[in-house]
């Protein structure tokens, strides 16, 4: 079963303007081969299909617990895309003639028109070319070492593409999201490396980071490094997966620490999280409707009834 917390892993700054070209680029990090949908579904199906779960409990717990965190990573990438597509608008806007805000006026070249036609200026489960995410991206062989090795590869492939997307935009909403995921993806790569080391003796962690660019090179990532996020693996269950601590422990390697030495910490709770943006309606896109006042009134009545008012 899954529990859901109605927050982002961290709060994101609002995009200062609509930036649909950047939104298209960031889509690769959601629905691409190395996107967050792939990390979620790879680890989820590996945990579903895990054999000898009780005898190999620490490895099962590691994969299952990271899978749960990846759900939040999908959400934060989608939130960044939504911010890029909508900009700072917080309510229905009208122009001087009294007409509603036109979402389709003056669109630049290089956008994904599906964002405007199919989803009302919100994220989609597609890559930067608009191709849908596919289950063909899931690798679940049943061989523990092979699956862990694949996951290590997947996290580092994802980091490579995130760095490339970072260089393609200066938008603060996109870059803040990327800074957070540089660090959290690095945690997952290190976790899989440590798991493989316990099974094989091969010092996988010495290969990190891949590419060989420290997180400290990115100011948006330094914020989370300074908070020690790179040392922390969170538990995403009220009662299960404590066995992860038998893998995620010990001294942080010098190269990975980037000057922030210490011990790996298994935190017995999810991160505190941050606020979700409240997307404004767009009359010209009929979202949530052309004239939504009636819907708002119904929602308010239902809410008041639920509160006993």
Protein backbone atom coordinates (compact mmCIF):
# COMPACT_ATOMS: atom_id res chain seq x y z
CA UNK A 1 0.00 0.00 0.00
CA UNK A 2 0.99 3.62 -0.39
CA UNK A 3 0.52 6.70 1.76
CA UNK A 4 0.58 10.15 0.22
CA UNK A 5 1.68 13.45 1.74
CA UNK A 6 0.18 16.55 0.13
CA UNK A 7 3.46 18.44 -0.16
CA UNK A 8 6.40 18.69 -2.51
CA UNK A 9 9.72 17.28 -1.25
CA UNK A 10 10.87 20.92 -1.09
CA UNK A 11 9.16 24.17 -1.99
CA UNK A 12 10.06 25.57 -5.40
CA UNK A 13 10.33 29.23 -6.42
CA UNK A 14 7.73 30.35 -8.92
CA UNK A 15 8.83 30.82 -12.51
CA UNK A 16 9.01 34.61 -13.07
CA UNK A 17 7.32 34.20 -16.45
CA UNK A 18 5.77 31.54 -18.62
CA UNK A 19 8.59 29.58 -20.26
CA UNK A 20 7.05 26.78 -22.36
CA UNK A 21 10.31 26.01 -24.19
CA UNK A 22 12.02 25.21 -20.89
CA UNK A 23 8.95 23.20 -19.90
CA UNK A 24 9.39 21.06 -23.00
CA UNK A 25 13.05 20.44 -22.16
CA UNK A 26 12.28 19.53 -18.56
CA UNK A 27 9.73 16.98 -19.78
CA UNK A 28 12.70 14.73 -20.62
CA UNK A 29 13.36 14.46 -16.89
CA UNK A 30 9.82 13.24 -16.31
CA UNK A 31 8.89 10.92 -19.17
CA UNK A 32 12.22 10.18 -20.84
CA UNK A 33 14.28 6.98 -20.72
CA UNK A 34 16.19 8.33 -17.71
CA UNK A 35 13.32 10.38 -16.28
CA UNK A 36 11.73 10.14 -12.86
CA UNK A 37 8.90 7.96 -14.16
CA UNK A 38 11.54 5.42 -15.13
CA UNK A 39 13.28 5.44 -11.75
CA UNK A 40 9.93 5.10 -9.96
CA UNK A 41 8.65 2.25 -12.09
CA UNK A 42 11.95 0.36 -12.24
CA UNK A 43 12.31 0.29 -8.46
CA UNK A 44 8.60 -0.29 -7.90
CA UNK A 45 8.46 -3.37 -10.11
CA UNK A 46 11.74 -4.68 -8.73
CA UNK A 47 10.23 -4.43 -5.25
CA UNK A 48 6.98 -6.08 -6.39
CA UNK A 49 8.93 -8.95 -7.97
CA UNK A 50 11.62 -9.37 -5.31
CA UNK A 51 12.40 -13.00 -4.45
CA UNK A 52 13.54 -14.26 -1.02
CA UNK A 53 12.34 -10.96 0.40
CA UNK A 54 12.64 -11.95 4.07
CA UNK A 55 16.10 -13.50 3.71
CA UNK A 56 17.36 -10.49 1.76
CA UNK A 57 15.30 -7.92 3.63
CA UNK A 58 17.84 -5.02 3.67
CA UNK A 59 18.11 -5.03 -0.13
CA UNK A 60 14.36 -5.31 -0.63
CA UNK A 61 13.80 -2.49 1.87
CA UNK A 62 16.34 -0.28 0.11
CA UNK A 63 14.75 -0.67 -3.32
CA UNK A 64 11.18 -0.35 -2.02
CA UNK A 65 11.97 2.69 0.10
CA UNK A 66 13.78 4.53 -2.70
CA UNK A 67 10.84 3.71 -4.99
CA UNK A 68 8.58 5.59 -2.59
CA UNK A 69 10.84 8.65 -2.65
CA UNK A 70 10.78 8.60 -6.44
CA UNK A 71 7.03 9.25 -6.33
CA UNK A 72 7.85 12.64 -4.82
CA UNK A 73 10.47 13.24 -7.50
CA UNK A 74 7.86 12.78 -10.22
CA UNK A 75 5.73 15.32 -8.39
CA UNK A 76 8.48 17.93 -8.08
CA UNK A 77 9.44 17.66 -11.76
CA UNK A 78 5.76 17.97 -12.72
CA UNK A 79 5.47 21.01 -10.42
CA UNK A 80 8.45 22.64 -12.12
CA UNK A 81 6.92 21.99 -15.55
CA UNK A 82 3.60 23.47 -14.41
CA UNK A 83 5.37 26.55 -13.08
CA UNK A 84 7.24 26.96 -16.37
CA UNK A 85 4.03 26.64 -18.37
CA UNK A 86 2.00 29.05 -16.23
CA UNK A 87 4.41 31.58 -14.83
CA UNK A 88 3.43 33.71 -11.82
CA UNK A 89 -0.32 33.99 -12.50
CA UNK A 90 -2.38 33.27 -9.38
CA UNK A 91 -5.90 33.94 -10.65
CA UNK A 92 -8.12 34.51 -13.68
CA UNK A 93 -6.84 37.55 -15.54
CA UNK A 94 -8.68 39.83 -17.91
CA UNK A 95 -7.35 42.23 -20.50
CA UNK A 96 -8.54 45.80 -21.01
CA UNK A 97 -11.55 44.66 -23.04
CA UNK A 98 -12.76 42.46 -20.20
CA UNK A 99 -11.94 39.30 -22.12
CA UNK A 100 -10.37 36.43 -20.22
CA UNK A 101 -6.65 35.70 -20.29
CA UNK A 102 -5.81 34.01 -23.62
CA UNK A 103 -3.47 31.10 -23.04
CA UNK A 104 -2.88 30.63 -26.76
CA UNK A 105 -1.83 34.14 -27.79
CA UNK A 106 1.76 34.76 -28.88
CA UNK A 107 3.14 31.28 -28.28
CA UNK A 108 6.84 31.02 -29.20
CA UNK A 109 8.40 28.42 -31.47
CA UNK A 110 10.00 25.34 -29.97
CA UNK A 111 7.18 24.48 -27.59
CA UNK A 112 5.32 21.19 -27.21
CA UNK A 113 1.82 22.13 -28.47
CA UNK A 114 0.42 19.14 -26.59
CA UNK A 115 0.95 21.14 -23.38
CA UNK A 116 -1.68 23.59 -24.61
CA UNK A 117 -3.98 21.29 -26.57
CA UNK A 118 -4.12 18.15 -24.42
CA UNK A 119 -3.36 19.10 -20.83
CA UNK A 120 -4.36 22.74 -20.35
CA UNK A 121 -0.80 23.97 -19.73
CA UNK A 122 0.26 21.23 -17.35
CA UNK A 123 2.76 18.36 -17.29
CA UNK A 124 2.45 15.21 -19.35
CA UNK A 125 3.94 11.67 -19.04
CA UNK A 126 6.12 12.27 -22.12
CA UNK A 127 9.70 13.11 -23.01
CA UNK A 128 11.00 16.34 -24.56
CA UNK A 129 9.89 15.20 -28.02
CA UNK A 130 6.38 14.45 -26.78
CA UNK A 131 6.84 10.66 -27.01
CA UNK A 132 4.97 8.90 -24.18
CA UNK A 133 6.75 7.12 -21.37
CA UNK A 134 6.73 3.37 -21.92
CA UNK A 135 6.99 0.27 -19.77
CA UNK A 136 9.78 -0.89 -22.06
CA UNK A 137 12.00 1.33 -19.89
CA UNK A 138 11.48 -0.98 -16.89
CA UNK A 139 14.24 -3.47 -16.08
CA UNK A 140 13.33 -6.09 -13.49
CA UNK A 141 15.44 -9.19 -14.13
CA UNK A 142 14.99 -10.93 -10.78
CA UNK A 143 18.78 -11.13 -10.34
CA UNK A 144 19.60 -8.92 -7.35
CA UNK A 145 23.10 -7.85 -8.38
CA UNK A 146 22.03 -7.18 -11.96
CA UNK A 147 19.03 -5.11 -10.85
CA UNK A 148 21.14 -3.09 -8.41
CA UNK A 149 23.77 -2.53 -11.10
CA UNK A 150 21.07 -1.35 -13.49
CA UNK A 151 19.73 1.04 -10.85
CA UNK A 152 23.22 2.47 -10.32
CA UNK A 153 23.47 3.01 -14.09
CA UNK A 154 19.97 4.52 -14.24
CA UNK A 155 20.67 7.09 -11.52
CA UNK A 156 23.89 8.21 -13.20
CA UNK A 157 22.28 8.36 -16.63
CA UNK A 158 19.57 10.51 -15.07
CA UNK A 159 22.16 12.82 -13.52
CA UNK A 160 23.88 13.26 -16.88
CA UNK A 161 20.66 14.37 -18.52
CA UNK A 162 19.73 16.64 -15.62
CA UNK A 163 23.04 18.47 -15.95
CA UNK A 164 22.43 18.94 -19.67
CA UNK A 165 18.94 20.32 -19.05
CA UNK A 166 20.36 22.60 -16.34
CA UNK A 167 22.68 24.14 -18.95
CA UNK A 168 19.72 24.69 -21.30
CA UNK A 169 17.82 27.02 -18.96
CA UNK A 170 18.39 29.81 -16.47
CA UNK A 171 14.83 29.65 -15.15
CA UNK A 172 14.93 29.60 -11.32
CA UNK A 173 12.01 27.16 -10.99
CA UNK A 174 13.72 24.61 -13.20
CA UNK A 175 17.16 25.10 -11.66
CA UNK A 176 15.91 24.87 -8.06
CA UNK A 177 14.23 21.55 -8.87
CA UNK A 178 17.39 20.33 -10.56
CA UNK A 179 19.61 21.36 -7.66
CA UNK A 180 17.48 19.29 -5.30
CA UNK A 181 17.50 16.27 -7.61
CA UNK A 182 21.25 16.46 -8.20
CA UNK A 183 21.65 15.80 -4.49
CA UNK A 184 18.84 13.28 -3.97
CA UNK A 185 19.77 11.36 -7.13
CA UNK A 186 23.32 11.26 -5.83
CA UNK A 187 22.01 9.71 -2.60
CA UNK A 188 20.27 6.98 -4.56
CA UNK A 189 23.34 6.27 -6.70
CA UNK A 190 25.45 6.02 -3.55
CA UNK A 191 22.87 3.77 -1.87
CA UNK A 192 22.93 1.32 -4.77
CA UNK A 193 26.73 1.50 -4.83
CA UNK A 194 26.91 0.64 -1.13
CA UNK A 195 24.47 -2.24 -1.60
CA UNK A 196 26.59 -3.65 -4.43
CA UNK A 197 29.73 -3.28 -2.31
CA UNK A 198 28.24 -5.43 0.44
CA UNK A 199 27.37 -8.13 -2.12
CA UNK A 200 30.45 -8.07 -4.33
CA UNK A 201 33.28 -6.24 -2.56
CA UNK A 202 33.67 -4.00 -5.64
CA UNK A 203 34.10 -0.38 -4.53
CA UNK A 204 31.41 1.09 -6.75
CA UNK A 205 31.27 4.34 -4.77
CA UNK A 206 34.73 5.31 -6.03
CA UNK A 207 33.21 5.88 -9.47
CA UNK A 208 30.96 8.66 -8.20
CA UNK A 209 30.02 11.28 -9.19
CA UNK A 210 29.16 10.47 -12.79
CA UNK A 211 29.70 12.74 -14.71
CA UNK A 212 32.71 13.82 -12.66
CA UNK A 213 31.25 17.21 -11.76
CA UNK A 214 30.74 17.94 -8.05
CA UNK A 215 27.33 19.08 -6.86
CA UNK A 216 29.03 22.11 -5.34
CA UNK A 217 29.51 23.45 -8.88
CA UNK A 218 25.78 24.18 -8.94
CA UNK A 219 24.64 26.87 -6.51
CA UNK A 220 21.14 25.39 -6.37
CA UNK A 221 22.61 22.06 -5.22
CA UNK A 222 24.99 23.65 -2.69
CA UNK A 223 21.98 24.72 -0.61
CA UNK A 224 21.04 21.09 -0.03
CA UNK A 225 24.63 19.94 0.39
CA UNK A 226 25.03 22.53 3.16
CA UNK A 227 21.93 21.03 4.83
CA UNK A 228 23.54 17.59 4.75
CA UNK A 229 20.89 16.17 2.43
CA UNK A 230 23.54 14.12 0.60
CA UNK A 231 24.16 12.16 3.81
CA UNK A 232 20.48 11.40 4.51
CA UNK A 233 18.24 8.61 3.34
CA UNK A 234 14.65 9.06 4.52
CA UNK A 235 12.20 6.38 5.54
CA UNK A 236 8.95 6.55 3.57
CA UNK A 237 6.87 4.28 5.78
CA UNK A 238 5.53 4.66 9.31
CA UNK A 239 6.63 1.14 10.29
CA UNK A 240 8.58 -0.63 7.53
CA UNK A 241 11.98 -0.48 5.82
CA UNK A 242 14.12 0.22 8.90
CA UNK A 243 16.52 -2.46 7.60
CA UNK A 244 17.85 0.12 5.13
CA UNK A 245 20.03 1.40 7.98
CA UNK A 246 22.15 -1.77 7.77
CA UNK A 247 23.32 -0.61 4.32
CA UNK A 248 23.12 3.19 4.64
CA UNK A 249 25.64 3.81 7.42
CA UNK A 250 29.30 4.57 8.06
CA UNK A 251 31.58 7.44 7.12
CA UNK A 252 30.82 9.49 4.03
CA UNK A 253 33.62 9.08 1.42
CA UNK A 254 35.71 12.22 0.96
CA UNK A 255 34.99 12.68 -2.75
CA UNK A 256 31.24 12.26 -2.22
CA UNK A 257 31.23 14.54 0.85
CA UNK A 258 32.64 17.50 -1.11
CA UNK A 259 34.00 19.01 2.09
CA UNK A 260 30.92 18.20 4.19
CA UNK A 261 32.22 15.21 6.15
CA UNK A 262 30.14 13.11 8.49
CA UNK A 263 28.26 9.84 8.73
CA UNK A 264 25.49 8.51 6.54
CA UNK A 265 22.16 9.01 8.34
CA UNK A 266 18.97 6.99 7.98
CA UNK A 267 16.19 9.40 8.94
CA UNK A 268 13.15 7.73 10.49
CA UNK A 269 10.64 9.93 8.63
CA UNK A 270 10.08 11.50 5.22
CA UNK A 271 11.47 15.01 4.59
CA UNK A 272 9.51 17.93 6.00
CA UNK A 273 8.42 18.97 2.52
CA UNK A 274 7.20 22.25 1.05
CA UNK A 275 4.03 23.84 -0.25
CA UNK A 276 2.37 22.87 -3.50
CA UNK A 277 1.65 25.72 -5.91
CA UNK A 278 -2.00 26.58 -6.42
CA UNK A 279 -2.43 26.61 -10.20
CA UNK A 280 -4.75 29.38 -11.37
CA UNK A 281 -7.64 28.56 -13.68
CA UNK A 282 -7.53 29.54 -17.35
CA UNK A 283 -10.89 30.39 -18.90
CA UNK A 284 -9.65 30.13 -22.49
CA UNK A 285 -8.48 26.57 -21.77
CA UNK A 286 -11.71 25.73 -19.89
CA UNK A 287 -9.69 24.73 -16.81
CA UNK A 288 -11.36 23.98 -14.49
CA UNK A 289 -14.14 25.43 -16.69
CA UNK A 290 -14.88 28.49 -18.83
CA UNK A 291 -16.84 30.14 -16.01
CA UNK A 292 -15.89 28.17 -12.90
CA UNK A 293 -17.79 30.19 -10.28
CA UNK A 294 -20.47 27.52 -9.97
CA UNK A 295 -17.85 24.79 -9.49
CA UNK A 296 -16.13 26.89 -6.82
CA UNK A 297 -19.46 27.40 -5.04
CA UNK A 298 -20.18 23.66 -5.05
CA UNK A 299 -16.68 22.89 -3.76
CA UNK A 300 -17.06 25.45 -0.95
CA UNK A 301 -20.40 23.94 0.09
CA UNK A 302 -18.91 20.45 0.17
CA UNK A 303 -15.92 21.66 2.17
CA UNK A 304 -18.14 23.49 4.66
CA UNK A 305 -20.31 20.40 5.04
CA UNK A 306 -17.24 18.24 5.70
CA UNK A 307 -16.09 20.71 8.35
CA UNK A 308 -19.52 20.61 10.02
CA UNK A 309 -20.19 24.29 9.34
